Amino acid sequence: MDKQQLHQLLGQLHAELGRTQAVDAGDRELLKSLQADVQAILERADESTEAQYGPLGIRLRHGVQRFEVTHPQLTWAMSEVLEILSRSGV
């Protein structure tokens, strides 16, 4: 896994998550969870292992399904991270 590329994309995703306005409480909760997951991984960049990316991958897949129509830029950022994770077997 190219961790440098992944962490660059995670930084972009974190910024996009911060800009996204959620419509309902469920969306807000998912966005907050995703943002917390990404922030935690970015803070432990040197210590992160592939196992730590599993929960993030699950939430990202859910987020892509949930925001595909309403937030295309956010969905694109999530899909890019998922692509790298899937190539590394996560």
C-alpha atoms as a PDB file:
ATOM      1  CA  MET A   1       0.000   0.000   0.000  1.00  0.00           C
ATOM      2  CA  ASP A   2       1.289   3.460  -0.865  1.00  0.00           C
ATOM      3  CA  LYS A   3       0.765   5.053   2.542  1.00  0.00           C
ATOM      4  CA  GLN A   4       1.889   8.490   1.377  1.00  0.00           C
ATOM      5  CA  GLN A   5      -0.750   8.598  -1.355  1.00  0.00           C
ATOM      6  CA  LEU A   6      -3.363   7.165   0.995  1.00  0.00           C
ATOM      7  CA  HIS A   7      -2.649   9.754   3.685  1.00  0.00           C
ATOM      8  CA  GLN A   8      -2.763  12.557   1.121  1.00  0.00           C
ATOM      9  CA  LEU A   9      -6.205  11.351   0.001  1.00  0.00           C
ATOM     10  CA  LEU A  10      -7.299  10.955   3.625  1.00  0.00           C
ATOM     11  CA  GLY A  11      -6.331  14.594   4.197  1.00  0.00           C
ATOM     12  CA  GLN A  12      -8.461  15.632   1.237  1.00  0.00           C
ATOM     13  CA  LEU A  13     -11.337  13.471   2.471  1.00  0.00           C
ATOM     14  CA  HIS A  14     -11.066  14.972   5.953  1.00  0.00           C
ATOM     15  CA  ALA A  15     -11.338  18.485   4.490  1.00  0.00           C
ATOM     16  CA  GLU A  16     -14.307  17.486   2.330  1.00  0.00           C
ATOM     17  CA  LEU A  17     -16.049  15.899   5.313  1.00  0.00           C
ATOM     18  CA  GLY A  18     -15.642  19.173   7.198  1.00  0.00           C
ATOM     19  CA  ARG A  19     -17.277  21.122   4.362  1.00  0.00           C
ATOM     20  CA  THR A  20     -20.216  18.764   3.880  1.00  0.00           C
ATOM     21  CA  GLN A  21     -23.577  19.868   5.212  1.00  0.00           C
ATOM     22  CA  ALA A  22     -25.678  16.923   6.338  1.00  0.00           C
ATOM     23  CA  VAL A  23     -29.438  16.985   5.939  1.00  0.00           C
ATOM     24  CA  ASP A  24     -30.554  14.684   8.741  1.00  0.00           C
ATOM     25  CA  ALA A  25     -29.254  13.380  12.056  1.00  0.00           C
ATOM     26  CA  GLY A  26     -28.211  10.011  10.590  1.00  0.00           C
ATOM     27  CA  ASP A  27     -26.117  11.701   7.911  1.00  0.00           C
ATOM     28  CA  ARG A  28     -24.514  13.989  10.482  1.00  0.00           C
ATOM     29  CA  GLU A  29     -23.638  11.017  12.677  1.00  0.00           C
ATOM     30  CA  LEU A  30     -22.069   9.126   9.770  1.00  0.00           C
ATOM     31  CA  LEU A  31     -20.068  12.192   8.746  1.00  0.00           C
ATOM     32  CA  LYS A  32     -18.838  12.679  12.314  1.00  0.00           C
ATOM     33  CA  SER A  33     -17.804   9.029  12.556  1.00  0.00           C
ATOM     34  CA  LEU A  34     -15.965   9.159   9.253  1.00  0.00           C
ATOM     35  CA  GLN A  35     -14.223  12.378  10.200  1.00  0.00           C
ATOM     36  CA  ALA A  36     -13.126  10.909  13.550  1.00  0.00           C
ATOM     37  CA  ASP A  37     -11.824   7.736  11.854  1.00  0.00           C
ATOM     38  CA  VAL A  38      -9.843   9.707   9.291  1.00  0.00           C
ATOM     39  CA  GLN A  39      -8.453  12.085  11.914  1.00  0.00           C
ATOM     40  CA  ALA A  40      -7.320   9.186  14.106  1.00  0.00           C
ATOM     41  CA  ILE A  41      -5.513   7.517  11.209  1.00  0.00           C
ATOM     42  CA  LEU A  42      -3.857  10.771  10.154  1.00  0.00           C
ATOM     43  CA  GLU A  43      -2.661  11.412  13.696  1.00  0.00           C
ATOM     44  CA  ARG A  44      -1.096   7.939  13.872  1.00  0.00           C
ATOM     45  CA  ALA A  45       0.255   7.963  10.325  1.00  0.00           C
ATOM     46  CA  ASP A  46       3.576   6.353  11.242  1.00  0.00           C
ATOM     47  CA  GLU A  47       1.959   3.697  13.430  1.00  0.00           C
ATOM     48  CA  SER A  48      -1.003   2.735  11.247  1.00  0.00           C
ATOM     49  CA  THR A  49      -1.427  -0.848  10.085  1.00  0.00           C
ATOM     50  CA  GLU A  50      -3.700  -2.312   7.448  1.00  0.00           C
ATOM     51  CA  ALA A  51      -5.995  -3.741  10.146  1.00  0.00           C
ATOM     52  CA  GLN A  52      -6.795  -0.203  11.338  1.00  0.00           C
ATOM     53  CA  TYR A  53      -8.226   0.664   7.925  1.00  0.00           C
ATOM     54  CA  GLY A  54     -10.924  -2.054   7.980  1.00  0.00           C
ATOM     55  CA  PRO A  55     -13.556  -0.135   9.996  1.00  0.00           C
ATOM     56  CA  LEU A  56     -12.903   2.966   7.904  1.00  0.00           C
ATOM     57  CA  GLY A  57     -13.455   0.962   4.720  1.00  0.00           C
ATOM     58  CA  ILE A  58     -16.804  -0.300   5.977  1.00  0.00           C
ATOM     59  CA  ARG A  59     -17.977   3.213   6.868  1.00  0.00           C
ATOM     60  CA  LEU A  60     -16.730   4.600   3.556  1.00  0.00           C
ATOM     61  CA  ARG A  61     -18.706   2.006   1.590  1.00  0.00           C
ATOM     62  CA  HIS A  62     -21.794   2.944   3.559  1.00  0.00           C
ATOM     63  CA  GLY A  63     -21.071   6.643   2.992  1.00  0.00           C
ATOM     64  CA  VAL A  64     -20.686   6.200  -0.762  1.00  0.00           C
ATOM     65  CA  GLN A  65     -24.099   4.538  -0.931  1.00  0.00           C
ATOM     66  CA  ARG A  66     -25.688   7.153   1.291  1.00  0.00           C
ATOM     67  CA  PHE A  67     -24.216  10.328  -0.256  1.00  0.00           C
ATOM     68  CA  GLU A  68     -23.809   9.297  -3.903  1.00  0.00           C
ATOM     69  CA  VAL A  69     -26.614  11.504  -5.190  1.00  0.00           C
ATOM     70  CA  THR A  70     -26.549  14.381  -2.720  1.00  0.00           C
ATOM     71  CA  HIS A  71     -22.787  14.927  -2.259  1.00  0.00           C
ATOM     72  CA  PRO A  72     -20.886  13.882  -5.423  1.00  0.00           C
ATOM     73  CA  GLN A  73     -17.576  15.524  -4.433  1.00  0.00           C
ATOM     74  CA  LEU A  74     -17.590  13.771  -1.070  1.00  0.00           C
ATOM     75  CA  THR A  75     -18.486  10.486  -2.752  1.00  0.00           C
ATOM     76  CA  TRP A  76     -15.571  10.892  -5.157  1.00  0.00           C
ATOM     77  CA  ALA A  77     -13.123  11.440  -2.263  1.00  0.00           C
ATOM     78  CA  MET A  78     -14.470   8.378  -0.429  1.00  0.00           C
ATOM     79  CA  SER A  79     -14.226   6.267  -3.581  1.00  0.00           C
ATOM     80  CA  GLU A  80     -10.596   7.251  -4.114  1.00  0.00           C
ATOM     81  CA  VAL A  81      -9.663   6.141  -0.596  1.00  0.00           C
ATOM     82  CA  LEU A  82     -11.658   2.924  -1.024  1.00  0.00           C
ATOM     83  CA  GLU A  83      -9.796   2.197  -4.269  1.00  0.00           C
ATOM     84  CA  ILE A  84      -6.421   2.346  -2.531  1.00  0.00           C
ATOM     85  CA  LEU A  85      -7.685   0.285   0.396  1.00  0.00           C
ATOM     86  CA  SER A  86      -9.141  -2.374  -1.885  1.00  0.00           C
ATOM     87  CA  ARG A  87      -5.907  -2.609  -3.895  1.00  0.00           C
ATOM     88  CA  SER A  88      -4.080  -3.327  -0.623  1.00  0.00           C
ATOM     89  CA  GLY A  89      -6.561  -6.022   0.366  1.00  0.00           C
ATOM     90  CA  VAL A  90      -8.450  -4.092   3.058  1.00  0.00           C
END
